[in-house]
Amino acid sequence: MKRCVNCILPKGLPNLPFKGDVCFLCYSYKPPNLLGLDRLKEDINLVLDNFYNNSKVKPDYDCIVPVSGGRDSTYVLNFAHKLGLKILAVNFDNEFSTDIAKQNLKNAVDILGIDLISRPASSVSLRNLVKTALQLVPHLPPMIAFGLLCGGCGYAFKRFVYEIANQYNVPLIIWGDSSEESSRVLNVTPRPLNFWQKINPLISFHRLKFKVGFKKLTKELQISSPPCKEIHLFDYIPWDRRVIVSTIKEELNWRSPSDSPTTWRIDCKIAPLADALMEKEYGISKIEIGFSNMVRAKKMSRKEALKEIELIKKRRPQKIEELCEDLGVTSSKVLKVVL
């Protein structure tokens, strides 16, 4: 496989031109224009001052920090605590959190003394939705299957946080997403179903089953826009994987799985399969796109990225097998499609 000589994106990706051996994202790259720590403090104080000066009821919390037990959200929780904010940690339990992510989350809130809400977003079982999607993986184009696997979380995650913010009258949400880890690169439409997939009764049955559950989810979670102000921490301060990991390990006893070559997405059991499906469709996984961003931003060496990708791919079949076994789905059919 020929890759960009600067990052690790392969040649031949849809809508990604190259100049010689360098991809468009590298030769057009500009570092993010960060707003700075002083501006962060100013913006937070402005939000809180405006809210408390105009609110008749004083809430118990200054802000919500959405947390998963993963690397970045744990760091944001710790950073907000150091700013002296009264925090409500909110964990969306999608029923696929890893054991180590759950332990990381417990360690963090216990050490920092922060209140935590951790529960499913609704009465709809995302576990059942994912099982239905998993049964469809051998029969659908990879990215349609990807959309079904991750669709429940994609819809429910932010809406759940917004529901809690509205319920507790919290004036601010602080998020931990960053452009360095974004995988939004491929501007393409997934392959549609072919004629036989459209008329296949087994596929039709499972798709209908999924739609019924998803429709119920949409009825229970209807707040689609934030009921308060939102701040993205890494719009203000540098995102640096090494600093983040060393800080939370030292201060919050955060850990990644002993068998994982990376600290990326150690919080979700579905992530290895989702990555495999994306790679099957486009020739590249979400984690490779994220690593390319890190290399481009000088947050990771190209050699390090390639080495970690190789180790991640070796580990992937085992993790997919474990997911299938957990849900009672035959793994051989799934692995045959994605590997």
Protein backbone atom coordinates (compact mmCIF):
# COMPACT_ATOMS: atom_id res chain seq x y z
CA MET A 1 0.00 0.00 0.00
CA LYS A 2 1.34 3.43 -0.97
CA ARG A 3 0.82 6.06 1.69
CA CYS A 4 1.39 9.78 2.01
CA VAL A 5 5.07 10.25 2.87
CA ASN A 6 4.16 12.83 5.50
CA CYS A 7 1.21 11.18 7.33
CA ILE A 8 -0.11 7.63 6.84
CA LEU A 9 -3.17 8.16 4.62
CA PRO A 10 -3.12 5.74 1.68
CA LYS A 11 -3.33 6.79 -1.93
CA GLY A 12 -6.63 6.10 -3.67
CA LEU A 13 -9.00 7.35 -0.97
CA PRO A 14 -12.22 8.91 -2.31
CA ASN A 15 -12.03 12.69 -2.74
CA LEU A 16 -8.47 12.93 -1.37
CA PRO A 17 -6.09 14.27 -4.05
CA PHE A 18 -2.31 13.99 -3.82
CA LYS A 19 0.48 16.25 -4.99
CA GLY A 20 3.15 13.75 -5.81
CA ASP A 21 3.53 11.65 -2.66
CA VAL A 22 1.88 14.15 -0.28
CA CYS A 23 -1.87 14.15 0.43
CA PHE A 24 -4.05 17.25 0.23
CA LEU A 25 -4.58 17.32 4.00
CA CYS A 26 -0.83 17.54 4.59
CA TYR A 27 0.07 20.13 1.98
CA SER A 28 -2.87 22.32 3.02
CA TYR A 29 -2.44 21.78 6.78
CA LYS A 30 -2.56 24.74 9.16
CA PRO A 31 -2.16 24.30 12.92
CA PRO A 32 -5.31 25.06 14.95
CA ASN A 33 -5.58 28.64 16.18
CA LEU A 34 -6.07 27.97 19.89
CA LEU A 35 -7.85 30.57 22.00
CA GLY A 36 -5.66 30.09 25.08
CA LEU A 37 -6.14 29.38 28.78
CA ASP A 38 -6.92 32.99 29.73
CA ARG A 39 -9.70 33.12 27.15
CA LEU A 40 -11.03 29.79 28.45
CA LYS A 41 -11.31 31.19 31.96
CA GLU A 42 -12.91 34.39 30.65
CA ASP A 43 -15.49 32.48 28.61
CA ILE A 44 -16.38 30.17 31.50
CA ASN A 45 -16.73 33.10 33.92
CA LEU A 46 -18.86 34.99 31.41
CA VAL A 47 -21.22 32.04 31.00
CA LEU A 48 -21.52 31.47 34.75
CA ASP A 49 -21.88 35.17 35.64
CA ASN A 50 -24.62 35.68 33.07
CA PHE A 51 -26.44 32.59 34.21
CA TYR A 52 -26.29 33.22 37.95
CA ASN A 53 -27.18 36.89 37.57
CA ASN A 54 -30.33 36.02 35.63
CA SER A 55 -31.39 32.75 37.21
CA LYS A 56 -33.92 32.64 40.04
CA VAL A 57 -32.85 29.14 41.04
CA LYS A 58 -29.22 28.42 41.74
CA PRO A 59 -28.22 24.98 40.38
CA ASP A 60 -26.02 22.53 42.26
CA TYR A 61 -23.44 22.43 39.47
CA ASP A 62 -21.51 24.91 37.32
CA CYS A 63 -20.99 22.48 34.48
CA ILE A 64 -21.39 19.00 33.08
CA VAL A 65 -18.42 17.05 31.81
CA PRO A 66 -19.46 14.06 29.66
CA VAL A 67 -17.20 11.13 30.55
CA SER A 68 -16.60 7.60 29.32
CA GLY A 69 -13.57 6.47 31.28
CA GLY A 70 -11.52 6.98 28.14
CA ARG A 71 -8.45 9.13 27.89
CA ASP A 72 -9.63 12.56 26.76
CA SER A 73 -12.86 12.84 28.77
CA THR A 74 -10.99 11.83 31.92
CA TYR A 75 -8.44 14.57 31.28
CA VAL A 76 -11.20 17.16 30.73
CA LEU A 77 -12.81 16.13 34.02
CA ASN A 78 -9.51 16.61 35.84
CA PHE A 79 -8.83 19.94 34.10
CA ALA A 80 -12.27 21.34 34.95
CA HIS A 81 -11.80 20.27 38.56
CA LYS A 82 -8.52 22.20 38.72
CA LEU A 83 -10.40 25.29 37.53
CA GLY A 84 -12.50 25.07 40.69
CA LEU A 85 -15.78 24.30 38.96
CA LYS A 86 -18.63 22.41 40.58
CA ILE A 87 -18.93 19.49 38.17
CA LEU A 88 -21.55 16.90 37.40
CA ALA A 89 -19.92 14.03 35.51
CA VAL A 90 -22.34 12.41 33.06
CA ASN A 91 -21.72 8.96 31.64
CA PHE A 92 -23.90 7.62 28.86
CA ASP A 93 -24.02 3.88 29.51
CA ASN A 94 -24.30 2.37 26.03
CA GLU A 95 -23.98 -1.17 27.46
CA PHE A 96 -20.66 -1.65 25.66
CA SER A 97 -18.22 0.13 27.95
CA THR A 98 -15.08 -1.86 28.64
CA ASP A 99 -14.36 -2.99 32.19
CA ILE A 100 -11.22 -0.87 32.35
CA ALA A 101 -13.13 2.24 31.24
CA LYS A 102 -15.66 1.66 34.03
CA GLN A 103 -12.83 1.34 36.55
CA ASN A 104 -11.10 4.45 35.20
CA LEU A 105 -14.33 6.39 35.59
CA LYS A 106 -14.83 5.19 39.16
CA ASN A 107 -11.23 6.05 40.06
CA ALA A 108 -11.56 9.55 38.62
CA VAL A 109 -14.80 10.56 40.34
CA ASP A 110 -13.70 8.99 43.64
CA ILE A 111 -10.32 10.73 43.66
CA LEU A 112 -11.77 14.09 42.62
CA GLY A 113 -14.90 13.81 44.76
CA ILE A 114 -17.23 14.54 41.84
CA ASP A 115 -20.89 13.52 41.52
CA LEU A 116 -21.62 11.09 38.70
CA ILE A 117 -24.73 10.16 36.76
CA SER A 118 -24.21 6.93 34.84
CA ARG A 119 -27.14 5.19 33.19
CA PRO A 120 -28.61 4.21 29.81
CA ALA A 121 -30.07 7.03 27.78
CA SER A 122 -33.54 5.52 27.55
CA SER A 123 -35.58 2.37 28.03
CA VAL A 124 -34.41 1.19 24.59
CA SER A 125 -31.66 -1.40 24.89
CA LEU A 126 -28.72 -0.35 22.73
CA ARG A 127 -27.43 -3.85 23.30
CA ASN A 128 -30.41 -5.24 21.40
CA LEU A 129 -29.99 -2.65 18.64
CA VAL A 130 -26.33 -3.56 18.23
CA LYS A 131 -27.10 -7.28 18.23
CA THR A 132 -29.60 -6.73 15.43
CA ALA A 133 -27.05 -4.66 13.52
CA LEU A 134 -24.39 -7.31 14.09
CA GLN A 135 -26.63 -9.96 12.58
CA LEU A 136 -26.86 -7.79 9.46
CA VAL A 137 -23.10 -7.27 9.04
CA PRO A 138 -22.60 -10.31 6.76
CA HIS A 139 -25.45 -9.17 4.49
CA LEU A 140 -24.97 -5.41 4.03
CA PRO A 141 -22.41 -3.05 2.49
CA PRO A 142 -19.84 -2.36 5.24
CA MET A 143 -20.64 1.31 5.86
CA ILE A 144 -24.39 0.71 6.07
CA ALA A 145 -23.63 -1.93 8.70
CA PHE A 146 -21.28 0.59 10.37
CA GLY A 147 -24.10 3.14 10.52
CA LEU A 148 -26.43 0.63 12.18
CA LEU A 149 -23.81 -0.48 14.72
CA CYS A 150 -22.97 3.05 15.81
CA GLY A 151 -26.33 4.69 15.03
CA GLY A 152 -27.82 4.26 18.49
CA CYS A 153 -24.88 5.89 20.25
CA GLY A 154 -24.55 8.50 17.55
CA TYR A 155 -28.13 9.58 18.10
CA ALA A 156 -28.37 9.19 21.87
CA PHE A 157 -25.04 10.41 23.23
CA LYS A 158 -25.39 14.19 22.98
CA ARG A 159 -29.15 14.10 23.46
CA PHE A 160 -28.68 12.24 26.74
CA VAL A 161 -26.20 14.86 27.97
CA TYR A 162 -28.62 17.61 26.94
CA GLU A 163 -31.46 15.88 28.82
CA ILE A 164 -29.38 15.83 32.01
CA ALA A 165 -28.30 19.47 31.57
CA ASN A 166 -31.93 20.46 31.15
CA GLN A 167 -33.09 18.36 34.10
CA TYR A 168 -30.48 19.76 36.49
CA ASN A 169 -30.53 23.30 35.06
CA VAL A 170 -26.76 23.25 34.45
CA PRO A 171 -25.44 26.34 32.62
CA LEU A 172 -22.43 24.82 30.83
CA ILE A 173 -21.20 21.62 29.16
CA ILE A 174 -17.46 21.10 28.62
CA TRP A 175 -16.59 18.63 25.86
CA GLY A 176 -13.32 16.79 25.18
CA ASP A 177 -13.34 16.33 21.41
CA SER A 178 -10.40 17.59 19.34
CA SER A 179 -9.55 18.21 15.70
CA GLU A 180 -6.35 16.17 16.09
CA GLU A 181 -8.43 13.03 16.61
CA SER A 182 -11.26 13.77 14.21
CA SER A 183 -11.97 11.08 11.62
CA ARG A 184 -14.20 13.29 9.45
CA VAL A 185 -12.09 13.15 6.29
CA LEU A 186 -13.92 11.02 3.76
CA ASN A 187 -16.71 12.97 2.07
CA VAL A 188 -18.35 10.03 0.37
CA THR A 189 -21.71 8.27 0.24
CA PRO A 190 -21.78 4.62 1.37
CA ARG A 191 -22.59 1.98 -1.22
CA PRO A 192 -26.38 1.42 -1.36
CA LEU A 193 -28.15 -1.90 -1.05
CA ASN A 194 -28.30 -3.90 -4.23
CA PHE A 195 -31.52 -5.43 -5.59
CA TRP A 196 -31.11 -8.78 -3.81
CA GLN A 197 -30.29 -7.15 -0.49
CA LYS A 198 -33.44 -5.05 -0.77
CA ILE A 199 -35.73 -8.05 -1.30
CA ASN A 200 -33.97 -10.53 1.02
CA PRO A 201 -36.54 -11.44 3.72
CA LEU A 202 -33.90 -12.03 6.43
CA ILE A 203 -32.35 -8.62 5.84
CA SER A 204 -35.80 -7.00 5.73
CA PHE A 205 -36.76 -8.63 9.03
CA HIS A 206 -33.65 -7.47 10.91
CA ARG A 207 -33.80 -3.96 9.38
CA LEU A 208 -37.44 -3.61 10.46
CA LYS A 209 -36.53 -4.85 13.94
CA PHE A 210 -33.78 -2.23 14.14
CA LYS A 211 -36.04 0.57 12.89
CA VAL A 212 -38.70 -0.21 15.52
CA GLY A 213 -36.16 0.03 18.35
CA PHE A 214 -34.51 3.13 16.92
CA LYS A 215 -37.83 4.90 16.47
CA LYS A 216 -38.64 4.32 20.12
CA LEU A 217 -35.24 5.77 21.02
CA THR A 218 -35.93 8.93 19.02
CA LYS A 219 -39.26 9.41 20.79
CA GLU A 220 -37.65 9.20 24.24
CA LEU A 221 -34.72 11.53 23.46
CA GLN A 222 -35.92 14.63 21.69
CA ILE A 223 -33.63 17.44 22.88
CA SER A 224 -31.42 17.81 19.82
CA SER A 225 -29.92 21.21 20.59
CA PRO A 226 -28.07 22.29 23.73
CA PRO A 227 -30.20 23.81 26.51
CA CYS A 228 -27.12 25.68 27.78
CA LYS A 229 -23.72 26.96 26.66
CA GLU A 230 -21.08 24.53 25.36
CA ILE A 231 -17.30 24.78 25.42
CA HIS A 232 -14.81 22.45 23.74
CA LEU A 233 -11.70 22.40 25.91
CA PHE A 234 -9.27 21.68 23.08
CA ASP A 235 -10.40 24.75 21.18
CA TYR A 236 -8.51 26.62 23.90
CA ILE A 237 -5.56 24.49 25.01
CA PRO A 238 -3.29 22.11 23.06
CA TRP A 239 -4.38 18.52 22.68
CA ASP A 240 -1.30 16.44 23.42
CA ARG A 241 -1.70 12.71 23.81
CA ARG A 242 1.48 12.26 25.86
CA VAL A 243 0.63 15.05 28.30
CA ILE A 244 -2.94 13.80 28.66
CA VAL A 245 -1.95 10.19 29.34
CA SER A 246 0.87 10.99 31.76
CA THR A 247 -1.35 13.42 33.70
CA ILE A 248 -4.32 11.12 34.20
CA LYS A 249 -2.15 8.10 34.95
CA GLU A 250 -0.26 9.98 37.65
CA GLU A 251 -3.15 11.92 39.16
CA LEU A 252 -6.19 9.67 38.62
CA ASN A 253 -4.73 6.16 38.40
CA TRP A 254 -6.00 5.89 34.82
CA ARG A 255 -5.05 2.74 32.93
CA SER A 256 -5.35 1.30 29.42
CA PRO A 257 -5.72 -2.44 28.71
CA SER A 258 -2.46 -4.35 29.07
CA ASP A 259 -2.99 -5.97 25.65
CA SER A 260 -3.76 -2.70 23.84
CA PRO A 261 -1.01 -1.01 21.79
CA THR A 262 -2.86 2.32 21.96
CA THR A 263 -4.87 4.49 24.34
CA TRP A 264 -7.32 5.35 21.51
CA ARG A 265 -10.94 4.26 22.09
CA ILE A 266 -10.23 1.86 24.93
CA ASP A 267 -13.70 2.66 26.28
CA CYS A 268 -15.92 0.91 23.69
CA LYS A 269 -16.15 -2.79 22.76
CA ILE A 270 -17.70 -1.98 19.37
CA ALA A 271 -14.81 0.21 18.14
CA PRO A 272 -12.66 -2.62 16.65
CA LEU A 273 -15.55 -3.88 14.49
CA ALA A 274 -16.55 -0.36 13.43
CA ASP A 275 -12.93 0.27 12.39
CA ALA A 276 -12.82 -2.98 10.42
CA LEU A 277 -16.02 -2.13 8.54
CA MET A 278 -14.77 1.30 7.57
CA GLU A 279 -11.49 -0.14 6.35
CA LYS A 280 -13.34 -2.78 4.33
CA GLU A 281 -15.36 -0.08 2.54
CA TYR A 282 -12.73 2.63 2.03
CA GLY A 283 -9.36 0.98 2.62
CA ILE A 284 -8.73 2.95 5.80
CA SER A 285 -10.04 2.83 9.37
CA LYS A 286 -11.11 5.65 11.68
CA ILE A 287 -8.05 5.11 13.84
CA GLU A 288 -5.72 5.48 10.83
CA ILE A 289 -7.38 8.78 9.98
CA GLY A 290 -6.99 9.92 13.58
CA PHE A 291 -3.35 8.86 13.67
CA SER A 292 -2.75 10.71 10.39
CA ASN A 293 -4.10 13.86 12.03
CA MET A 294 -1.75 13.36 14.98
CA VAL A 295 1.26 12.84 12.71
CA ARG A 296 0.34 15.94 10.72
CA ALA A 297 0.10 17.96 13.94
CA LYS A 298 3.46 16.63 15.19
CA LYS A 299 1.76 14.85 18.09
CA MET A 300 2.92 11.43 16.92
CA SER A 301 5.72 10.21 14.67
CA ARG A 302 4.89 8.51 11.38
CA LYS A 303 6.94 5.48 12.41
CA GLU A 304 5.08 5.23 15.71
CA ALA A 305 1.71 5.50 13.95
CA LEU A 306 2.49 2.74 11.46
CA LYS A 307 3.74 0.44 14.22
CA GLU A 308 0.65 0.97 16.38
CA ILE A 309 -1.69 0.44 13.41
CA GLU A 310 -0.01 -2.89 12.65
CA LEU A 311 -0.42 -4.05 16.26
CA ILE A 312 -4.04 -2.85 16.42
CA LYS A 313 -4.95 -4.79 13.29
CA LYS A 314 -3.39 -7.96 14.69
CA ARG A 315 -5.51 -7.60 17.82
CA ARG A 316 -8.74 -6.73 16.00
CA PRO A 317 -10.05 -10.26 15.13
CA GLN A 318 -9.88 -11.34 18.77
CA LYS A 319 -11.86 -8.29 19.89
CA ILE A 320 -14.49 -8.84 17.20
CA GLU A 321 -14.82 -12.47 18.27
CA GLU A 322 -15.31 -11.37 21.89
CA LEU A 323 -18.05 -8.93 20.87
CA CYS A 324 -19.85 -11.57 18.81
CA GLU A 325 -19.59 -14.12 21.61
CA ASP A 326 -20.95 -11.62 24.11
CA LEU A 327 -24.01 -11.01 21.90
CA GLY A 328 -24.53 -14.61 20.85
CA VAL A 329 -23.77 -13.99 17.18
CA THR A 330 -21.66 -16.36 15.06
CA SER A 331 -18.29 -14.64 14.72
CA SER A 332 -17.06 -16.59 11.69
CA LYS A 333 -19.64 -14.98 9.38
CA VAL A 334 -18.75 -11.50 10.63
CA LEU A 335 -14.99 -12.05 10.40
CA LYS A 336 -15.33 -13.45 6.89
CA VAL A 337 -16.87 -10.17 5.77
CA VAL A 338 -14.60 -7.67 7.52
CA LEU A 339 -11.17 -9.32 7.34
